[in-house]
C-alpha atoms as a PDB file:
ATOM      1  CA  MET A   1     106.804 -90.011  76.986  1.00  0.00           C
ATOM      2  CA  THR A   2     106.892 -90.129  73.199  1.00  0.00           C
ATOM      3  CA  GLN A   3     104.008 -91.006  70.922  1.00  0.00           C
ATOM      4  CA  PRO A   4     104.168 -93.565  68.148  1.00  0.00           C
ATOM      5  CA  CYS A   5     104.326 -92.069  64.655  1.00  0.00           C
ATOM      6  CA  GLU A   6     100.744 -93.078  63.918  1.00  0.00           C
ATOM      7  CA  GLN A   7      99.447 -91.082  66.880  1.00  0.00           C
ATOM      8  CA  SER A   8     101.597 -88.104  66.015  1.00  0.00           C
ATOM      9  CA  LEU A   9     100.416 -88.255  62.424  1.00  0.00           C
ATOM     10  CA  GLY A  10      96.825 -88.435  63.608  1.00  0.00           C
ATOM     11  CA  ALA A  11      97.351 -85.259  65.620  1.00  0.00           C
ATOM     12  CA  ALA A  12      98.816 -83.557  62.547  1.00  0.00           C
ATOM     13  CA  ASP A  13      95.858 -84.714  60.456  1.00  0.00           C
ATOM     14  CA  SER A  14      93.482 -83.352  63.087  1.00  0.00           C
ATOM     15  CA  ASP A  15      95.380 -80.060  63.073  1.00  0.00           C
ATOM     16  CA  LEU A  16      95.153 -79.862  59.279  1.00  0.00           C
ATOM     17  CA  GLY A  17      91.432 -80.608  59.462  1.00  0.00           C
ATOM     18  CA  GLU A  18      90.936 -77.701  61.845  1.00  0.00           C
ATOM     19  CA  VAL A  19      93.011 -75.414  59.620  1.00  0.00           C
ATOM     20  CA  ASP A  20      90.932 -76.496  56.602  1.00  0.00           C
ATOM     21  CA  ASP A  21      87.758 -75.677  58.543  1.00  0.00           C
ATOM     22  CA  LEU A  22      89.131 -72.256  59.463  1.00  0.00           C
ATOM     23  CA  LEU A  23      90.112 -71.588  55.840  1.00  0.00           C
ATOM     24  CA  ARG A  24      86.584 -72.491  54.786  1.00  0.00           C
ATOM     25  CA  ALA A  25      85.269 -70.074  57.427  1.00  0.00           C
ATOM     26  CA  VAL A  26      87.451 -67.293  55.985  1.00  0.00           C
ATOM     27  CA  VAL A  27      86.081 -67.983  52.497  1.00  0.00           C
ATOM     28  CA  ALA A  28      82.518 -68.170  53.859  1.00  0.00           C
ATOM     29  CA  ASP A  29      83.101 -64.798  55.552  1.00  0.00           C
ATOM     30  CA  GLY A  30      83.387 -63.222  52.094  1.00  0.00           C
ATOM     31  CA  PHE A  31      87.148 -62.989  51.609  1.00  0.00           C
ATOM     32  CA  THR A  32      88.634 -62.826  48.110  1.00  0.00           C
ATOM     33  CA  VAL A  33      91.343 -65.491  47.726  1.00  0.00           C
ATOM     34  CA  TYR A  34      94.565 -65.133  45.725  1.00  0.00           C
ATOM     35  CA  LEU A  35      96.466 -68.332  44.904  1.00  0.00           C
ATOM     36  CA  CYS A  36     100.066 -67.249  44.313  1.00  0.00           C
ATOM     37  CA  GLY A  37     102.560 -69.362  42.414  1.00  0.00           C
ATOM     38  CA  GLY A  38     100.165 -71.816  40.831  1.00  0.00           C
ATOM     39  CA  GLN A  39      96.540 -72.735  41.230  1.00  0.00           C
ATOM     40  CA  ARG A  40      97.054 -76.432  42.011  1.00  0.00           C
ATOM     41  CA  GLU A  41      99.901 -76.069  44.505  1.00  0.00           C
ATOM     42  CA  PRO A  42     100.227 -72.398  45.438  1.00  0.00           C
ATOM     43  CA  GLU A  43     103.372 -71.129  47.126  1.00  0.00           C
ATOM     44  CA  ALA A  44     101.271 -68.649  49.100  1.00  0.00           C
ATOM     45  CA  ILE A  45      97.593 -67.959  49.659  1.00  0.00           C
ATOM     46  CA  VAL A  46      96.383 -64.438  50.343  1.00  0.00           C
ATOM     47  CA  ALA A  47      92.810 -63.707  51.398  1.00  0.00           C
ATOM     48  CA  THR A  48      91.357 -60.200  51.649  1.00  0.00           C
ATOM     49  CA  TYR A  49      88.162 -58.634  52.918  1.00  0.00           C
ATOM     50  CA  THR A  50      87.632 -54.975  52.060  1.00  0.00           C
ATOM     51  CA  TRP A  51      85.685 -52.650  54.319  1.00  0.00           C
ATOM     52  CA  PRO A  52      84.881 -49.082  53.220  1.00  0.00           C
ATOM     53  CA  ASP A  53      88.070 -47.706  54.845  1.00  0.00           C
ATOM     54  CA  HIS A  54      90.037 -50.834  55.843  1.00  0.00           C
ATOM     55  CA  VAL A  55      91.143 -54.190  54.530  1.00  0.00           C
ATOM     56  CA  ASP A  56      91.506 -57.385  56.560  1.00  0.00           C
ATOM     57  CA  PHE A  57      93.900 -59.909  55.072  1.00  0.00           C
ATOM     58  CA  VAL A  58      95.751 -63.146  55.652  1.00  0.00           C
ATOM     59  CA  VAL A  59      98.990 -64.357  54.071  1.00  0.00           C
ATOM     60  CA  ILE A  60      99.558 -68.111  54.269  1.00  0.00           C
ATOM     61  CA  LYS A  61     102.955 -69.507  53.328  1.00  0.00           C
ATOM     62  CA  ASP A  62     102.583 -72.754  55.285  1.00  0.00           C
ATOM     63  CA  ARG A  63     100.585 -73.786  58.331  1.00  0.00           C
ATOM     64  CA  HIS A  64     103.304 -72.537  60.675  1.00  0.00           C
ATOM     65  CA  ASP A  65     103.855 -69.270  58.810  1.00  0.00           C
ATOM     66  CA  VAL A  66     100.595 -67.353  58.617  1.00  0.00           C
ATOM     67  CA  ALA A  67     100.201 -63.624  59.073  1.00  0.00           C
ATOM     68  CA  ALA A  68      96.906 -61.814  59.520  1.00  0.00           C
ATOM     69  CA  ALA A  69      96.433 -58.058  59.489  1.00  0.00           C
ATOM     70  CA  ARG A  70      94.187 -55.060  59.065  1.00  0.00           C
ATOM     71  CA  ALA A  71      95.313 -52.003  57.144  1.00  0.00           C
ATOM     72  CA  ARG A  72      93.756 -48.731  56.141  1.00  0.00           C
ATOM     73  CA  CYS A  73      92.605 -48.593  52.525  1.00  0.00           C
ATOM     74  CA  THR A  74      94.801 -46.195  50.636  1.00  0.00           C
ATOM     75  CA  PRO A  75      95.113 -45.658  46.885  1.00  0.00           C
ATOM     76  CA  ASP A  76      98.594 -47.208  46.849  1.00  0.00           C
ATOM     77  CA  TRP A  77      97.887 -50.178  49.156  1.00  0.00           C
ATOM     78  CA  ASP A  78      99.424 -53.388  47.784  1.00  0.00           C
ATOM     79  CA  VAL A  79      97.925 -56.697  48.901  1.00  0.00           C
ATOM     80  CA  PHE A  80     101.236 -58.485  48.264  1.00  0.00           C
ATOM     81  CA  ALA A  81     103.549 -55.901  49.847  1.00  0.00           C
ATOM     82  CA  PRO A  82     101.734 -53.841  52.485  1.00  0.00           C
ATOM     83  CA  GLU A  83     103.805 -51.156  54.154  1.00  0.00           C
ATOM     84  CA  ARG A  84     101.563 -50.085  57.048  1.00  0.00           C
ATOM     85  CA  VAL A  85      98.985 -51.918  59.173  1.00  0.00           C
ATOM     86  CA  ILE A  86      96.898 -51.091  62.207  1.00  0.00           C
ATOM     87  CA  TRP A  87      96.824 -54.652  63.543  1.00  0.00           C
ATOM     88  CA  SER A  88      98.752 -57.826  62.790  1.00  0.00           C
ATOM     89  CA  TYR A  89      99.294 -61.344  64.063  1.00  0.00           C
ATOM     90  CA  HIS A  90     101.888 -63.875  62.934  1.00  0.00           C
ATOM     91  CA  GLY A  91     102.046 -67.536  63.876  1.00  0.00           C
ATOM     92  CA  HIS A  92     100.458 -70.920  63.318  1.00  0.00           C
ATOM     93  CA  ALA A  93      97.510 -71.064  60.922  1.00  0.00           C
ATOM     94  CA  ARG A  94      95.076 -72.110  63.654  1.00  0.00           C
ATOM     95  CA  TRP A  95      95.676 -68.981  65.717  1.00  0.00           C
ATOM     96  CA  ALA A  96      96.168 -66.510  62.876  1.00  0.00           C
ATOM     97  CA  LEU A  97      92.960 -67.576  61.120  1.00  0.00           C
ATOM     98  CA  ARG A  98      91.010 -67.478  64.371  1.00  0.00           C
ATOM     99  CA  ALA A  99      92.425 -64.024  65.070  1.00  0.00           C
ATOM    100  CA  ILE A 100      91.302 -62.590  61.723  1.00  0.00           C
ATOM    101  CA  LEU A 101      87.880 -64.212  62.014  1.00  0.00           C
ATOM    102  CA  ASP A 102      87.416 -62.736  65.500  1.00  0.00           C
ATOM    103  CA  LEU A 103      88.842 -59.295  64.762  1.00  0.00           C
ATOM    104  CA  HIS A 104      86.392 -56.547  65.723  1.00  0.00           C
ATOM    105  CA  HIS A 105      84.471 -54.619  63.082  1.00  0.00           C
ATOM    106  CA  PRO A 106      86.513 -51.504  62.164  1.00  0.00           C
ATOM    107  CA  GLU A 107      83.820 -49.272  63.701  1.00  0.00           C
ATOM    108  CA  HIS A 108      83.747 -51.173  67.005  1.00  0.00           C
ATOM    109  CA  PRO A 109      85.101 -49.079  69.901  1.00  0.00           C
ATOM    110  CA  ASP A 110      87.669 -51.790  70.709  1.00  0.00           C
ATOM    111  CA  ALA A 111      88.874 -52.171  67.116  1.00  0.00           C
ATOM    112  CA  PRO A 112      92.612 -51.617  66.652  1.00  0.00           C
ATOM    113  CA  ASP A 113      93.627 -48.259  65.234  1.00  0.00           C
ATOM    114  CA  ASP A 114      97.361 -47.754  65.873  1.00  0.00           C
ATOM    115  CA  ASP A 115      99.293 -47.451  62.624  1.00  0.00           C
ATOM    116  CA  HIS A 116     102.651 -49.269  62.468  1.00  0.00           C
ATOM    117  CA  ALA A 117     105.026 -50.827  59.957  1.00  0.00           C
ATOM    118  CA  ALA A 118     103.787 -54.051  58.392  1.00  0.00           C
ATOM    119  CA  PRO A 119     105.764 -57.117  59.459  1.00  0.00           C
ATOM    120  CA  ALA A 120     107.812 -58.849  56.762  1.00  0.00           C
ATOM    121  CA  ALA A 121     105.639 -61.976  57.099  1.00  0.00           C
ATOM    122  CA  LEU A 122     102.864 -60.105  55.255  1.00  0.00           C
ATOM    123  CA  ARG A 123     104.944 -59.734  52.092  1.00  0.00           C
ATOM    124  CA  VAL A 124     104.631 -62.268  49.290  1.00  0.00           C
ATOM    125  CA  PRO A 125     107.907 -62.877  47.428  1.00  0.00           C
ATOM    126  CA  GLY A 126     107.923 -61.643  43.837  1.00  0.00           C
ATOM    127  CA  GLU A 127     108.658 -65.088  42.421  1.00  0.00           C
ATOM    128  CA  PHE A 128     105.310 -66.302  43.821  1.00  0.00           C
ATOM    129  CA  LEU A 129     103.509 -63.584  41.858  1.00  0.00           C
ATOM    130  CA  ARG A 130     104.352 -64.868  38.384  1.00  0.00           C
ATOM    131  CA  SER A 131     101.095 -66.793  38.435  1.00  0.00           C
ATOM    132  CA  VAL A 132      98.179 -65.563  40.552  1.00  0.00           C
ATOM    133  CA  SER A 133      94.645 -66.934  40.411  1.00  0.00           C
ATOM    134  CA  VAL A 134      91.868 -64.916  42.032  1.00  0.00           C
ATOM    135  CA  ARG A 135      88.733 -66.412  43.526  1.00  0.00           C
ATOM    136  CA  THR A 136      86.074 -63.890  44.397  1.00  0.00           C
ATOM    137  CA  PRO A 137      83.418 -64.682  46.989  1.00  0.00           C
ATOM    138  CA  ARG A 138      80.116 -66.116  45.883  1.00  0.00           C
ATOM    139  CA  PRO A 139      77.288 -63.572  45.649  1.00  0.00           C
ATOM    140  CA  GLY A 140      75.800 -62.923  49.054  1.00  0.00           C
ATOM    141  CA  LEU A 141      78.955 -63.790  50.999  1.00  0.00           C
ATOM    142  CA  VAL A 142      80.572 -60.361  50.757  1.00  0.00           C
ATOM    143  CA  ALA A 143      78.161 -58.860  53.282  1.00  0.00           C
ATOM    144  CA  ARG A 144      78.365 -61.820  55.676  1.00  0.00           C
ATOM    145  CA  ARG A 145      81.449 -60.600  57.561  1.00  0.00           C
ATOM    146  CA  ALA A 146      80.098 -57.072  57.920  1.00  0.00           C
ATOM    147  CA  MET A 147      76.801 -58.380  59.277  1.00  0.00           C
ATOM    148  CA  ARG A 148      78.465 -60.916  61.587  1.00  0.00           C
ATOM    149  CA  LEU A 149      80.854 -58.363  63.081  1.00  0.00           C
ATOM    150  CA  ARG A 150      78.661 -55.270  63.054  1.00  0.00           C
ATOM    151  CA  PRO A 151      79.079 -53.158  66.174  1.00  0.00           C
ATOM    152  CA  ALA A 152      76.392 -53.539  68.805  1.00  0.00           C
END
């Protein structure tokens, strides 16, 4: 049975509302946000949270093409072209954003730790990097993720 366009559109609107809520949760968790390709209508959005030895990050190209990952902090780590990660997820925004929000603290015994090649979905094309705006977290938010996910 098919749905009328209005009902389908309503479902899409609901989906976008949930994705917006999850994006707000990422920002509220203390992530730094990079708007790539223009501040008003970015081609990609990258959000990062830096731990002492790791970085959690999300690359959003559209709501069906979102990659989330954790990498080890290294001197040559590139937020727009990571080469190695220890955890990654690629899929719809709803699931990728939930996955990064629920990822264990790096010191948790169940935290991922197996190094592997970063999937291509984590790379931001060079043409999107001609204009990048950075939004740092408000004071007090940076510690929120660490406190929320601290190991028991």
